[in-house]
Amino acid sequence: MKEIVETIARSIVDHPDQVEVTEEVGQKSIRIKLTVAEEDMGQVIGKQGRIARAIRTVVKAAATKAGKKAIVDIKS
């Protein structure tokens, strides 16, 4: 799932080299932390949070398939 978030984020930001994704896997959950450049936060969040919601939806679908709960944190 880390790769999914990283691919999506790198494709929509102006500074793809500053995208960092970390993954913490627990027994029942996966926490993905997406860090981008301050200037790219607007692009990752999107208008009214649509891009961020779409990223979370894709990750939740993949996590559900794996039988886990997913949490995506976005920060700069």
N, C-alpha and C. Protein backbone atom coordinates (compact mmCIF):
# COMPACT_ATOMS: atom_id res chain seq x y z
N MET A 1 0.81 -1.19 0.00
CA MET A 1 0.00 0.00 0.00
C MET A 1 0.86 1.26 0.00
N LYS A 2 2.02 1.15 0.57
CA LYS A 2 2.96 2.27 0.58
C LYS A 2 3.28 2.70 -0.85
N GLU A 3 3.47 1.73 -1.72
CA GLU A 3 3.81 2.01 -3.10
C GLU A 3 2.67 2.73 -3.83
N ILE A 4 1.44 2.36 -3.51
CA ILE A 4 0.28 2.99 -4.13
C ILE A 4 0.25 4.48 -3.80
N VAL A 5 0.39 4.79 -2.51
CA VAL A 5 0.35 6.18 -2.07
C VAL A 5 1.52 6.97 -2.66
N GLU A 6 2.69 6.36 -2.67
CA GLU A 6 3.88 7.04 -3.20
C GLU A 6 3.72 7.34 -4.69
N THR A 7 3.22 6.41 -5.44
CA THR A 7 3.02 6.62 -6.88
C THR A 7 2.01 7.73 -7.15
N ILE A 8 0.91 7.71 -6.44
CA ILE A 8 -0.12 8.75 -6.62
C ILE A 8 0.44 10.11 -6.24
N ALA A 9 1.07 10.19 -5.08
CA ALA A 9 1.58 11.48 -4.60
C ALA A 9 2.65 12.05 -5.53
N ARG A 10 3.58 11.22 -5.95
CA ARG A 10 4.66 11.71 -6.84
C ARG A 10 4.12 12.21 -8.17
N SER A 11 3.01 11.64 -8.62
CA SER A 11 2.48 12.05 -9.92
C SER A 11 1.71 13.37 -9.88
N ILE A 12 1.31 13.84 -8.69
CA ILE A 12 0.51 15.06 -8.63
C ILE A 12 1.22 16.27 -8.03
N VAL A 13 2.42 16.08 -7.47
CA VAL A 13 3.11 17.20 -6.83
C VAL A 13 4.16 17.81 -7.75
N ASP A 14 4.59 19.03 -7.39
CA ASP A 14 5.63 19.71 -8.16
C ASP A 14 7.03 19.28 -7.73
N HIS A 15 7.17 18.76 -6.51
CA HIS A 15 8.47 18.33 -5.98
C HIS A 15 8.41 16.85 -5.60
N PRO A 16 8.42 15.95 -6.60
CA PRO A 16 8.28 14.53 -6.29
C PRO A 16 9.44 13.96 -5.48
N ASP A 17 10.60 14.62 -5.54
CA ASP A 17 11.75 14.14 -4.79
C ASP A 17 11.58 14.36 -3.28
N GLN A 18 10.64 15.22 -2.88
CA GLN A 18 10.42 15.50 -1.46
C GLN A 18 9.25 14.70 -0.88
N VAL A 19 8.74 13.76 -1.63
CA VAL A 19 7.64 12.91 -1.14
C VAL A 19 8.23 11.76 -0.33
N GLU A 20 7.74 11.61 0.89
CA GLU A 20 8.16 10.50 1.75
C GLU A 20 6.92 9.76 2.23
N VAL A 21 6.97 8.45 2.17
CA VAL A 21 5.86 7.63 2.64
C VAL A 21 6.42 6.59 3.60
N THR A 22 5.85 6.55 4.80
CA THR A 22 6.23 5.51 5.76
C THR A 22 5.00 4.69 6.10
N GLU A 23 5.24 3.46 6.46
CA GLU A 23 4.14 2.53 6.73
C GLU A 23 4.38 1.82 8.06
N GLU A 24 3.40 1.87 8.93
CA GLU A 24 3.45 1.14 10.20
C GLU A 24 2.36 0.09 10.17
N VAL A 25 2.76 -1.16 10.25
CA VAL A 25 1.80 -2.25 10.16
C VAL A 25 1.57 -2.86 11.54
N GLY A 26 0.31 -2.89 11.94
CA GLY A 26 -0.08 -3.53 13.19
C GLY A 26 -0.81 -4.82 12.89
N GLN A 27 -1.36 -5.43 13.93
CA GLN A 27 -2.08 -6.68 13.73
C GLN A 27 -3.35 -6.50 12.91
N LYS A 28 -4.08 -5.41 13.21
CA LYS A 28 -5.35 -5.19 12.52
C LYS A 28 -5.39 -3.91 11.71
N SER A 29 -4.31 -3.16 11.72
CA SER A 29 -4.35 -1.87 11.03
C SER A 29 -3.02 -1.54 10.35
N ILE A 30 -3.11 -0.62 9.42
CA ILE A 30 -1.95 -0.09 8.72
C ILE A 30 -2.05 1.42 8.76
N ARG A 31 -0.99 2.09 9.22
CA ARG A 31 -0.95 3.55 9.23
C ARG A 31 0.09 3.98 8.20
N ILE A 32 -0.37 4.79 7.25
CA ILE A 32 0.52 5.31 6.22
C ILE A 32 0.66 6.81 6.43
N LYS A 33 1.91 7.26 6.53
CA LYS A 33 2.19 8.68 6.72
C LYS A 33 2.80 9.22 5.44
N LEU A 34 2.11 10.18 4.85
CA LEU A 34 2.56 10.82 3.61
C LEU A 34 3.08 12.21 3.95
N THR A 35 4.33 12.47 3.63
CA THR A 35 4.93 13.77 3.88
C THR A 35 5.32 14.38 2.53
N VAL A 36 4.87 15.61 2.30
CA VAL A 36 5.18 16.32 1.05
C VAL A 36 5.70 17.71 1.38
N ALA A 37 6.24 18.38 0.38
CA ALA A 37 6.72 19.75 0.56
C ALA A 37 5.55 20.67 0.89
N GLU A 38 5.82 21.70 1.65
CA GLU A 38 4.79 22.66 2.07
C GLU A 38 4.02 23.21 0.87
N GLU A 39 4.74 23.50 -0.22
CA GLU A 39 4.10 24.07 -1.42
C GLU A 39 3.16 23.08 -2.11
N ASP A 40 3.36 21.79 -1.86
CA ASP A 40 2.56 20.76 -2.52
C ASP A 40 1.33 20.31 -1.72
N MET A 41 1.17 20.83 -0.52
CA MET A 41 0.04 20.40 0.32
C MET A 41 -1.31 20.63 -0.37
N GLY A 42 -1.46 21.77 -1.01
CA GLY A 42 -2.72 22.07 -1.69
C GLY A 42 -3.03 21.08 -2.80
N GLN A 43 -2.00 20.65 -3.51
CA GLN A 43 -2.22 19.69 -4.59
C GLN A 43 -2.59 18.31 -4.06
N VAL A 44 -2.00 17.93 -2.94
CA VAL A 44 -2.29 16.62 -2.37
C VAL A 44 -3.67 16.60 -1.72
N ILE A 45 -4.04 17.69 -1.09
CA ILE A 45 -5.36 17.75 -0.45
C ILE A 45 -6.45 17.94 -1.50
N GLY A 46 -6.20 18.81 -2.47
CA GLY A 46 -7.17 19.04 -3.53
C GLY A 46 -8.30 19.96 -3.11
N LYS A 47 -9.10 20.32 -4.08
CA LYS A 47 -10.23 21.20 -3.83
C LYS A 47 -11.24 20.50 -2.92
N GLN A 48 -11.53 21.11 -1.79
CA GLN A 48 -12.45 20.57 -0.78
C GLN A 48 -12.03 19.18 -0.31
N GLY A 49 -10.73 18.89 -0.37
CA GLY A 49 -10.22 17.61 0.13
C GLY A 49 -10.47 16.41 -0.75
N ARG A 50 -10.82 16.65 -1.99
CA ARG A 50 -11.19 15.53 -2.87
C ARG A 50 -10.03 14.58 -3.17
N ILE A 51 -8.84 15.12 -3.42
CA ILE A 51 -7.69 14.26 -3.73
C ILE A 51 -7.32 13.43 -2.50
N ALA A 52 -7.26 14.08 -1.34
CA ALA A 52 -6.94 13.35 -0.10
C ALA A 52 -7.96 12.26 0.17
N ARG A 53 -9.22 12.56 -0.04
CA ARG A 53 -10.28 11.56 0.18
C ARG A 53 -10.13 10.40 -0.81
N ALA A 54 -9.77 10.71 -2.05
CA ALA A 54 -9.59 9.66 -3.06
C ALA A 54 -8.42 8.75 -2.69
N ILE A 55 -7.32 9.35 -2.23
CA ILE A 55 -6.16 8.55 -1.81
C ILE A 55 -6.57 7.64 -0.65
N ARG A 56 -7.27 8.18 0.31
CA ARG A 56 -7.71 7.38 1.47
C ARG A 56 -8.65 6.26 1.04
N THR A 57 -9.53 6.53 0.08
CA THR A 57 -10.47 5.52 -0.40
C THR A 57 -9.74 4.36 -1.06
N VAL A 58 -8.75 4.67 -1.89
CA VAL A 58 -7.98 3.62 -2.58
C VAL A 58 -7.23 2.77 -1.56
N VAL A 59 -6.61 3.42 -0.59
CA VAL A 59 -5.84 2.70 0.43
C VAL A 59 -6.77 1.84 1.30
N LYS A 60 -7.93 2.37 1.66
CA LYS A 60 -8.87 1.60 2.47
C LYS A 60 -9.37 0.37 1.71
N ALA A 61 -9.57 0.52 0.41
CA ALA A 61 -10.02 -0.62 -0.40
C ALA A 61 -8.95 -1.71 -0.42
N ALA A 62 -7.70 -1.31 -0.59
CA ALA A 62 -6.60 -2.29 -0.60
C ALA A 62 -6.44 -2.93 0.78
N ALA A 63 -6.60 -2.14 1.84
CA ALA A 63 -6.46 -2.67 3.20
C ALA A 63 -7.59 -3.64 3.53
N THR A 64 -8.79 -3.31 3.10
CA THR A 64 -9.93 -4.19 3.34
C THR A 64 -9.71 -5.54 2.68
N LYS A 65 -9.14 -5.51 1.49
CA LYS A 65 -8.85 -6.75 0.78
C LYS A 65 -7.85 -7.60 1.58
N ALA A 66 -6.93 -6.91 2.28
CA ALA A 66 -5.94 -7.61 3.11
C ALA A 66 -6.47 -7.91 4.51
N GLY A 67 -7.72 -7.51 4.78
CA GLY A 67 -8.32 -7.78 6.08
C GLY A 67 -7.84 -6.86 7.19
N LYS A 68 -7.45 -5.65 6.83
CA LYS A 68 -6.95 -4.68 7.81
C LYS A 68 -7.67 -3.35 7.67
N LYS A 69 -7.50 -2.49 8.67
CA LYS A 69 -8.03 -1.14 8.64
C LYS A 69 -6.88 -0.20 8.28
N ALA A 70 -7.15 0.80 7.45
CA ALA A 70 -6.09 1.71 7.01
C ALA A 70 -6.32 3.13 7.49
N ILE A 71 -5.24 3.78 7.86
CA ILE A 71 -5.27 5.18 8.26
C ILE A 71 -4.19 5.89 7.44
N VAL A 72 -4.56 6.99 6.78
CA VAL A 72 -3.61 7.76 5.99
C VAL A 72 -3.48 9.14 6.60
N ASP A 73 -2.26 9.50 7.01
CA ASP A 73 -1.97 10.82 7.55
C ASP A 73 -1.18 11.59 6.50
N ILE A 74 -1.58 12.83 6.25
CA ILE A 74 -0.88 13.68 5.29
C ILE A 74 -0.33 14.88 6.03
N LYS A 75 0.98 15.12 5.88
CA LYS A 75 1.59 16.27 6.54
C LYS A 75 2.70 16.85 5.67
N SER A 76 3.12 18.07 6.04
CA SER A 76 4.20 18.70 5.28
C SER A 76 5.43 18.82 6.15
